[in-house]
Amino acid sequence: MKLLNIQPTKNVLEEVYSKVMSSSVITNDERQKIRRVLLTDYLDDDEYAIIETLVDHVSRGLVKFVE
């Protein structure tokens, strides 16, 4: 039996934010994690701010997409 790895939304977003900001790249896996959070959970103000910051950095070219 395989157990699902379910993390609270904030932990997932903080983990993605930390990795992306330290490397200046966002991987497909990290994009999928963000997508899952957006599709399944309600975001509080802090979580929304994390996503807003990530989007801002991508739109400014400070973070690049990689496969």
Foldseek 3Di string as FASTA:
>chain_A
DDDDDDDPLVVLLVVQLVVCVVVLEHEPVNVVSVVCCVVPHDDDPVSVVSVVVVVVCVVVVSHYYDD
